[in-house]
Amino acid sequence: MVQKLSMTGLATVVENTSRLLHASGHAEGLYPAQWVALRYFVEAPEAQRTASALARYQDLAIASVARTVVTLVDKGLLNKRSNPRDARADLLELTDKGRDLLKHDPRQVLERALAEMPDEEAEVYARAATRLLQRLLELRQGKADA
């Protein structure tokens, strides 16, 4: 007998997955937001390696992102350098210490689990997770009927 899909049960699975991933983000003395910032600055095109671009990417206020950047600079994981395109916005780049730390990125466990899924399941999951994320962002922005 096939059991009917419960939206409450599915929401619980998504919530527990999120909680587990968030908890794993507290690795190597960093907070999840700091891991996101390190990943962003190593992956973003050079012109987008600014605190304001990271704030836009995360849909966060610049003040909280600025605190994250200051902390990562203080920890020796990021360097600031002048931006030839905009003197008001420093360019940020990972230090060797920051790059070494990314070798222990807790996201690698998630990447491994996803890589172990059969391709067809991973593709279905990718489409569903992307739609879910888009809808949650719409609801967050007050677009209930979007």
N, C-alpha and C. Protein backbone atom coordinates (compact mmCIF):
# COMPACT_ATOMS: atom_id res chain seq x y z
N MET A 1 0.84 -1.18 0.00
CA MET A 1 0.00 0.00 0.00
C MET A 1 0.89 1.25 0.00
N VAL A 2 0.63 2.17 -0.92
CA VAL A 2 1.39 3.40 -1.03
C VAL A 2 0.76 4.45 -0.12
N GLN A 3 1.58 5.06 0.70
CA GLN A 3 1.09 6.07 1.63
C GLN A 3 1.02 7.43 0.93
N LYS A 4 -0.05 8.18 1.18
CA LYS A 4 -0.22 9.51 0.58
C LYS A 4 0.84 10.46 1.14
N LEU A 5 1.38 11.27 0.26
CA LEU A 5 2.39 12.25 0.64
C LEU A 5 1.79 13.28 1.58
N SER A 6 2.40 13.47 2.71
CA SER A 6 1.95 14.46 3.69
C SER A 6 2.82 15.71 3.55
N MET A 7 2.18 16.86 3.35
CA MET A 7 2.94 18.11 3.24
C MET A 7 3.60 18.44 4.58
N THR A 8 2.95 18.08 5.68
CA THR A 8 3.57 18.29 6.99
C THR A 8 4.81 17.42 7.12
N GLY A 9 4.71 16.17 6.69
CA GLY A 9 5.86 15.27 6.75
C GLY A 9 6.99 15.74 5.86
N LEU A 10 6.64 16.19 4.66
CA LEU A 10 7.66 16.71 3.74
C LEU A 10 8.30 17.97 4.31
N ALA A 11 7.49 18.86 4.87
CA ALA A 11 8.03 20.08 5.49
C ALA A 11 8.98 19.72 6.63
N THR A 12 8.65 18.68 7.38
CA THR A 12 9.51 18.25 8.48
C THR A 12 10.85 17.74 7.95
N VAL A 13 10.81 16.98 6.85
CA VAL A 13 12.06 16.49 6.25
C VAL A 13 12.92 17.66 5.79
N VAL A 14 12.31 18.63 5.10
CA VAL A 14 13.05 19.80 4.63
C VAL A 14 13.61 20.58 5.82
N GLU A 15 12.79 20.77 6.85
CA GLU A 15 13.24 21.51 8.04
C GLU A 15 14.39 20.79 8.74
N ASN A 16 14.28 19.47 8.90
CA ASN A 16 15.35 18.72 9.57
C ASN A 16 16.63 18.71 8.74
N THR A 17 16.50 18.64 7.42
CA THR A 17 17.67 18.73 6.55
C THR A 17 18.34 20.09 6.72
N SER A 18 17.53 21.14 6.72
CA SER A 18 18.06 22.49 6.90
C SER A 18 18.76 22.63 8.25
N ARG A 19 18.14 22.11 9.29
CA ARG A 19 18.73 22.19 10.64
C ARG A 19 20.07 21.46 10.70
N LEU A 20 20.12 20.27 10.11
CA LEU A 20 21.35 19.49 10.09
C LEU A 20 22.46 20.22 9.33
N LEU A 21 22.11 20.78 8.18
CA LEU A 21 23.10 21.52 7.39
C LEU A 21 23.57 22.77 8.13
N HIS A 22 22.63 23.47 8.78
CA HIS A 22 22.99 24.67 9.53
C HIS A 22 23.93 24.31 10.68
N ALA A 23 23.63 23.24 11.39
CA ALA A 23 24.48 22.82 12.51
C ALA A 23 25.88 22.46 12.03
N SER A 24 25.97 21.81 10.87
CA SER A 24 27.30 21.44 10.36
C SER A 24 28.09 22.67 9.92
N GLY A 25 27.38 23.78 9.70
CA GLY A 25 28.05 25.02 9.31
C GLY A 25 28.84 25.66 10.42
N HIS A 26 28.70 25.17 11.64
CA HIS A 26 29.45 25.71 12.78
C HIS A 26 30.76 24.92 12.95
N ALA A 27 31.49 24.78 11.87
CA ALA A 27 32.73 24.00 11.87
C ALA A 27 33.94 24.92 11.77
N GLU A 28 35.05 24.44 12.28
CA GLU A 28 36.33 25.14 12.15
C GLU A 28 36.29 26.56 12.73
N GLY A 29 35.42 26.78 13.73
CA GLY A 29 35.36 28.08 14.39
C GLY A 29 34.64 29.16 13.60
N LEU A 30 33.89 28.78 12.56
CA LEU A 30 33.15 29.75 11.76
C LEU A 30 31.65 29.53 11.92
N TYR A 31 30.90 30.57 11.65
CA TYR A 31 29.45 30.49 11.58
C TYR A 31 29.03 30.22 10.14
N PRO A 32 27.82 29.69 9.93
CA PRO A 32 27.38 29.42 8.56
C PRO A 32 27.49 30.62 7.62
N ALA A 33 27.15 31.80 8.08
CA ALA A 33 27.23 33.00 7.22
C ALA A 33 28.67 33.27 6.79
N GLN A 34 29.63 32.94 7.64
CA GLN A 34 31.03 33.15 7.29
C GLN A 34 31.48 32.14 6.23
N TRP A 35 30.99 30.90 6.31
CA TRP A 35 31.28 29.92 5.27
C TRP A 35 30.71 30.38 3.94
N VAL A 36 29.47 30.89 3.97
CA VAL A 36 28.84 31.38 2.73
C VAL A 36 29.69 32.48 2.12
N ALA A 37 30.17 33.39 2.96
CA ALA A 37 30.99 34.50 2.46
C ALA A 37 32.29 33.99 1.84
N LEU A 38 32.96 33.07 2.50
CA LEU A 38 34.21 32.53 1.93
C LEU A 38 33.95 31.88 0.58
N ARG A 39 32.89 31.07 0.50
CA ARG A 39 32.55 30.43 -0.78
C ARG A 39 32.25 31.48 -1.84
N TYR A 40 31.50 32.50 -1.45
CA TYR A 40 31.12 33.54 -2.41
C TYR A 40 32.37 34.22 -2.97
N PHE A 41 33.28 34.63 -2.09
CA PHE A 41 34.45 35.39 -2.55
C PHE A 41 35.43 34.54 -3.36
N VAL A 42 35.44 33.25 -3.18
CA VAL A 42 36.32 32.41 -4.00
C VAL A 42 35.67 32.10 -5.35
N GLU A 43 34.33 32.11 -5.42
CA GLU A 43 33.63 31.72 -6.65
C GLU A 43 33.18 32.91 -7.51
N ALA A 44 32.98 34.08 -6.91
CA ALA A 44 32.43 35.23 -7.64
C ALA A 44 33.46 35.82 -8.60
N PRO A 45 32.99 36.40 -9.70
CA PRO A 45 33.91 37.14 -10.57
C PRO A 45 34.55 38.29 -9.78
N GLU A 46 35.75 38.65 -10.14
CA GLU A 46 36.50 39.65 -9.37
C GLU A 46 35.71 40.93 -9.13
N ALA A 47 35.02 41.43 -10.13
CA ALA A 47 34.29 42.69 -9.98
C ALA A 47 33.16 42.59 -8.95
N GLN A 48 32.72 41.37 -8.65
CA GLN A 48 31.62 41.17 -7.70
C GLN A 48 32.11 40.79 -6.30
N ARG A 49 33.38 40.86 -6.06
CA ARG A 49 33.94 40.47 -4.75
C ARG A 49 33.96 41.66 -3.79
N THR A 50 32.77 42.19 -3.53
CA THR A 50 32.61 43.30 -2.60
C THR A 50 31.57 42.92 -1.56
N ALA A 51 31.59 43.62 -0.44
CA ALA A 51 30.60 43.36 0.61
C ALA A 51 29.20 43.64 0.10
N SER A 52 29.02 44.71 -0.67
CA SER A 52 27.67 45.03 -1.16
C SER A 52 27.17 43.98 -2.14
N ALA A 53 28.04 43.42 -2.96
CA ALA A 53 27.62 42.35 -3.88
C ALA A 53 27.24 41.09 -3.10
N LEU A 54 27.99 40.80 -2.04
CA LEU A 54 27.64 39.66 -1.19
C LEU A 54 26.28 39.89 -0.52
N ALA A 55 26.03 41.11 -0.07
CA ALA A 55 24.74 41.43 0.55
C ALA A 55 23.60 41.22 -0.44
N ARG A 56 23.78 41.65 -1.67
CA ARG A 56 22.75 41.42 -2.70
C ARG A 56 22.56 39.93 -2.97
N TYR A 57 23.65 39.21 -3.06
CA TYR A 57 23.61 37.77 -3.31
C TYR A 57 22.82 37.05 -2.23
N GLN A 58 23.01 37.47 -0.97
CA GLN A 58 22.34 36.82 0.15
C GLN A 58 21.01 37.47 0.52
N ASP A 59 20.68 38.57 -0.15
CA ASP A 59 19.47 39.32 0.18
C ASP A 59 19.47 39.72 1.65
N LEU A 60 20.60 40.29 2.08
CA LEU A 60 20.78 40.72 3.47
C LEU A 60 21.14 42.20 3.52
N ALA A 61 20.96 42.79 4.68
CA ALA A 61 21.37 44.17 4.90
C ALA A 61 22.89 44.25 4.88
N ILE A 62 23.41 45.33 4.35
CA ILE A 62 24.86 45.51 4.24
C ILE A 62 25.53 45.49 5.61
N ALA A 63 24.85 45.97 6.65
CA ALA A 63 25.47 46.03 7.98
C ALA A 63 25.86 44.64 8.49
N SER A 64 24.98 43.66 8.33
CA SER A 64 25.32 42.32 8.83
C SER A 64 26.42 41.69 7.98
N VAL A 65 26.40 41.94 6.69
CA VAL A 65 27.46 41.42 5.81
C VAL A 65 28.79 42.09 6.13
N ALA A 66 28.75 43.38 6.41
CA ALA A 66 29.98 44.11 6.76
C ALA A 66 30.61 43.53 8.03
N ARG A 67 29.78 43.16 9.00
CA ARG A 67 30.31 42.53 10.23
C ARG A 67 30.97 41.19 9.90
N THR A 68 30.35 40.42 9.03
CA THR A 68 30.93 39.14 8.63
C THR A 68 32.28 39.36 7.96
N VAL A 69 32.35 40.33 7.06
CA VAL A 69 33.60 40.62 6.35
C VAL A 69 34.68 41.05 7.33
N VAL A 70 34.36 41.94 8.25
CA VAL A 70 35.35 42.40 9.24
C VAL A 70 35.88 41.21 10.04
N THR A 71 34.99 40.33 10.46
CA THR A 71 35.41 39.15 11.22
C THR A 71 36.35 38.27 10.41
N LEU A 72 36.03 38.06 9.14
CA LEU A 72 36.88 37.21 8.30
C LEU A 72 38.23 37.86 8.02
N VAL A 73 38.25 39.18 7.90
CA VAL A 73 39.53 39.90 7.75
C VAL A 73 40.33 39.76 9.04
N ASP A 74 39.67 39.97 10.19
CA ASP A 74 40.36 39.85 11.48
C ASP A 74 40.91 38.45 11.72
N LYS A 75 40.23 37.44 11.21
CA LYS A 75 40.69 36.05 11.37
C LYS A 75 41.80 35.70 10.37
N GLY A 76 42.11 36.64 9.47
CA GLY A 76 43.15 36.38 8.48
C GLY A 76 42.69 35.52 7.32
N LEU A 77 41.37 35.45 7.09
CA LEU A 77 40.83 34.61 6.02
C LEU A 77 40.53 35.39 4.74
N LEU A 78 40.36 36.70 4.89
CA LEU A 78 40.10 37.59 3.75
C LEU A 78 41.08 38.75 3.79
N ASN A 79 41.42 39.25 2.61
CA ASN A 79 42.19 40.49 2.46
C ASN A 79 41.33 41.51 1.74
N LYS A 80 41.51 42.77 2.10
CA LYS A 80 40.87 43.87 1.37
C LYS A 80 41.93 44.49 0.47
N ARG A 81 41.49 44.90 -0.72
CA ARG A 81 42.38 45.68 -1.58
C ARG A 81 41.54 46.72 -2.31
N SER A 82 42.19 47.77 -2.74
CA SER A 82 41.44 48.86 -3.38
C SER A 82 40.81 48.38 -4.68
N ASN A 83 39.66 48.95 -4.95
CA ASN A 83 38.88 48.61 -6.13
C ASN A 83 39.10 49.68 -7.19
N PRO A 84 39.72 49.34 -8.31
CA PRO A 84 39.98 50.36 -9.34
C PRO A 84 38.70 50.91 -9.97
N ARG A 85 37.59 50.19 -9.86
CA ARG A 85 36.32 50.64 -10.45
C ARG A 85 35.49 51.49 -9.50
N ASP A 86 35.71 51.32 -8.18
CA ASP A 86 34.89 52.02 -7.20
C ASP A 86 35.69 52.17 -5.91
N ALA A 87 36.19 53.36 -5.67
CA ALA A 87 37.03 53.61 -4.49
C ALA A 87 36.28 53.41 -3.18
N ARG A 88 34.93 53.42 -3.23
CA ARG A 88 34.13 53.26 -2.00
C ARG A 88 33.97 51.81 -1.59
N ALA A 89 34.24 50.87 -2.49
CA ALA A 89 33.98 49.45 -2.22
C ALA A 89 35.25 48.64 -2.42
N ASP A 90 35.86 48.23 -1.32
CA ASP A 90 37.06 47.39 -1.42
C ASP A 90 36.73 46.06 -2.09
N LEU A 91 37.71 45.53 -2.82
CA LEU A 91 37.61 44.17 -3.33
C LEU A 91 38.11 43.23 -2.24
N LEU A 92 37.49 42.09 -2.13
CA LEU A 92 37.84 41.12 -1.09
C LEU A 92 38.30 39.83 -1.74
N GLU A 93 39.36 39.26 -1.18
CA GLU A 93 39.88 38.00 -1.72
C GLU A 93 40.34 37.12 -0.57
N LEU A 94 40.25 35.83 -0.78
CA LEU A 94 40.68 34.89 0.24
C LEU A 94 42.20 34.91 0.37
N THR A 95 42.66 34.80 1.59
CA THR A 95 44.08 34.62 1.86
C THR A 95 44.41 33.14 1.66
N ASP A 96 45.68 32.80 1.72
CA ASP A 96 46.06 31.39 1.66
C ASP A 96 45.40 30.62 2.80
N LYS A 97 45.35 31.25 3.98
CA LYS A 97 44.70 30.62 5.14
C LYS A 97 43.21 30.36 4.84
N GLY A 98 42.56 31.31 4.20
CA GLY A 98 41.15 31.15 3.83
C GLY A 98 40.95 30.02 2.83
N ARG A 99 41.83 29.96 1.84
CA ARG A 99 41.74 28.88 0.84
C ARG A 99 41.99 27.52 1.48
N ASP A 100 42.96 27.46 2.39
CA ASP A 100 43.22 26.20 3.10
C ASP A 100 42.01 25.77 3.92
N LEU A 101 41.37 26.74 4.57
CA LEU A 101 40.20 26.43 5.39
C LEU A 101 39.06 25.87 4.53
N LEU A 102 38.90 26.39 3.32
CA LEU A 102 37.83 25.90 2.44
C LEU A 102 38.02 24.43 2.06
N LYS A 103 39.21 23.91 2.24
CA LYS A 103 39.43 22.47 2.00
C LYS A 103 38.67 21.63 3.01
N HIS A 104 38.24 22.27 4.12
CA HIS A 104 37.49 21.58 5.18
C HIS A 104 36.05 22.09 5.24
N ASP A 105 35.57 22.62 4.14
CA ASP A 105 34.23 23.19 4.05
C ASP A 105 33.19 22.13 4.41
N PRO A 106 32.33 22.41 5.40
CA PRO A 106 31.31 21.42 5.77
C PRO A 106 30.31 21.14 4.65
N ARG A 107 30.22 22.00 3.65
CA ARG A 107 29.32 21.76 2.53
C ARG A 107 29.74 20.54 1.72
N GLN A 108 30.99 20.12 1.86
CA GLN A 108 31.47 18.96 1.12
C GLN A 108 30.69 17.70 1.46
N VAL A 109 30.20 17.60 2.70
CA VAL A 109 29.39 16.44 3.09
C VAL A 109 28.09 16.43 2.29
N LEU A 110 27.47 17.60 2.16
CA LEU A 110 26.25 17.71 1.36
C LEU A 110 26.53 17.37 -0.10
N GLU A 111 27.63 17.90 -0.63
CA GLU A 111 27.98 17.62 -2.02
C GLU A 111 28.19 16.12 -2.23
N ARG A 112 28.80 15.46 -1.25
CA ARG A 112 29.02 14.02 -1.36
C ARG A 112 27.70 13.27 -1.36
N ALA A 113 26.80 13.64 -0.44
CA ALA A 113 25.50 12.97 -0.37
C ALA A 113 24.72 13.15 -1.67
N LEU A 114 24.77 14.35 -2.23
CA LEU A 114 24.08 14.60 -3.50
C LEU A 114 24.72 13.82 -4.64
N ALA A 115 26.05 13.74 -4.64
CA ALA A 115 26.76 13.02 -5.70
C ALA A 115 26.45 11.52 -5.66
N GLU A 116 26.09 11.01 -4.50
CA GLU A 116 25.78 9.59 -4.36
C GLU A 116 24.37 9.24 -4.82
N MET A 117 23.54 10.27 -5.07
CA MET A 117 22.18 10.02 -5.56
C MET A 117 22.25 9.60 -7.03
N PRO A 118 21.36 8.71 -7.46
CA PRO A 118 21.29 8.42 -8.90
C PRO A 118 21.01 9.71 -9.67
N ASP A 119 21.56 9.83 -10.87
CA ASP A 119 21.43 11.06 -11.65
C ASP A 119 19.99 11.51 -11.81
N GLU A 120 19.10 10.58 -12.11
CA GLU A 120 17.69 10.93 -12.33
C GLU A 120 17.08 11.53 -11.06
N GLU A 121 17.36 10.93 -9.91
CA GLU A 121 16.84 11.46 -8.64
C GLU A 121 17.44 12.83 -8.35
N ALA A 122 18.72 12.99 -8.61
CA ALA A 122 19.38 14.28 -8.36
C ALA A 122 18.78 15.37 -9.23
N GLU A 123 18.47 15.06 -10.48
CA GLU A 123 17.86 16.05 -11.37
C GLU A 123 16.46 16.44 -10.90
N VAL A 124 15.67 15.46 -10.49
CA VAL A 124 14.33 15.75 -9.96
C VAL A 124 14.44 16.59 -8.69
N TYR A 125 15.36 16.20 -7.81
CA TYR A 125 15.56 16.95 -6.56
C TYR A 125 16.00 18.38 -6.86
N ALA A 126 16.90 18.55 -7.81
CA ALA A 126 17.39 19.89 -8.14
C ALA A 126 16.26 20.78 -8.62
N ARG A 127 15.41 20.25 -9.48
CA ARG A 127 14.27 21.05 -9.98
C ARG A 127 13.31 21.39 -8.84
N ALA A 128 12.98 20.40 -8.03
CA ALA A 128 12.03 20.62 -6.93
C ALA A 128 12.60 21.58 -5.89
N ALA A 129 13.86 21.41 -5.53
CA ALA A 129 14.47 22.29 -4.52
C ALA A 129 14.57 23.71 -5.04
N THR A 130 14.88 23.87 -6.32
CA THR A 130 14.96 25.21 -6.91
C THR A 130 13.59 25.88 -6.89
N ARG A 131 12.55 25.14 -7.27
CA ARG A 131 11.19 25.71 -7.23
C ARG A 131 10.79 26.07 -5.81
N LEU A 132 11.12 25.20 -4.85
CA LEU A 132 10.80 25.48 -3.46
C LEU A 132 11.50 26.75 -2.98
N LEU A 133 12.77 26.88 -3.29
CA LEU A 133 13.52 28.08 -2.89
C LEU A 133 12.91 29.33 -3.52
N GLN A 134 12.60 29.27 -4.80
CA GLN A 134 12.00 30.43 -5.47
C GLN A 134 10.68 30.81 -4.82
N ARG A 135 9.86 29.82 -4.50
CA ARG A 135 8.56 30.11 -3.90
C ARG A 135 8.72 30.68 -2.49
N LEU A 136 9.63 30.14 -1.72
CA LEU A 136 9.87 30.68 -0.38
C LEU A 136 10.34 32.13 -0.45
N LEU A 137 11.18 32.45 -1.43
CA LEU A 137 11.63 33.84 -1.60
C LEU A 137 10.46 34.74 -1.99
N GLU A 138 9.58 34.25 -2.85
CA GLU A 138 8.39 35.03 -3.23
C GLU A 138 7.51 35.29 -2.01
N LEU A 139 7.27 34.26 -1.23
CA LEU A 139 6.42 34.42 -0.04
C LEU A 139 7.07 35.37 0.97
N ARG A 140 8.38 35.28 1.07
CA ARG A 140 9.10 36.19 1.98
C ARG A 140 8.94 37.64 1.55
N GLN A 141 8.86 37.86 0.25
CA GLN A 141 8.72 39.21 -0.29
C GLN A 141 7.26 39.64 -0.39
N GLY A 142 6.36 38.83 0.16
CA GLY A 142 4.95 39.20 0.19
C GLY A 142 4.19 38.93 -1.09
N LYS A 143 4.71 38.06 -1.92
CA LYS A 143 4.04 37.75 -3.19
C LYS A 143 3.23 36.46 -3.02
N ALA A 144 2.20 36.52 -2.20
CA ALA A 144 1.41 35.33 -1.87
C ALA A 144 0.74 34.72 -3.07
N ASP A 145 0.34 35.52 -4.04
CA ASP A 145 -0.37 35.00 -5.21
C ASP A 145 0.54 34.82 -6.42
N ALA A 146 1.83 35.07 -6.25
CA ALA A 146 2.76 34.99 -7.40
C ALA A 146 2.90 33.56 -7.87
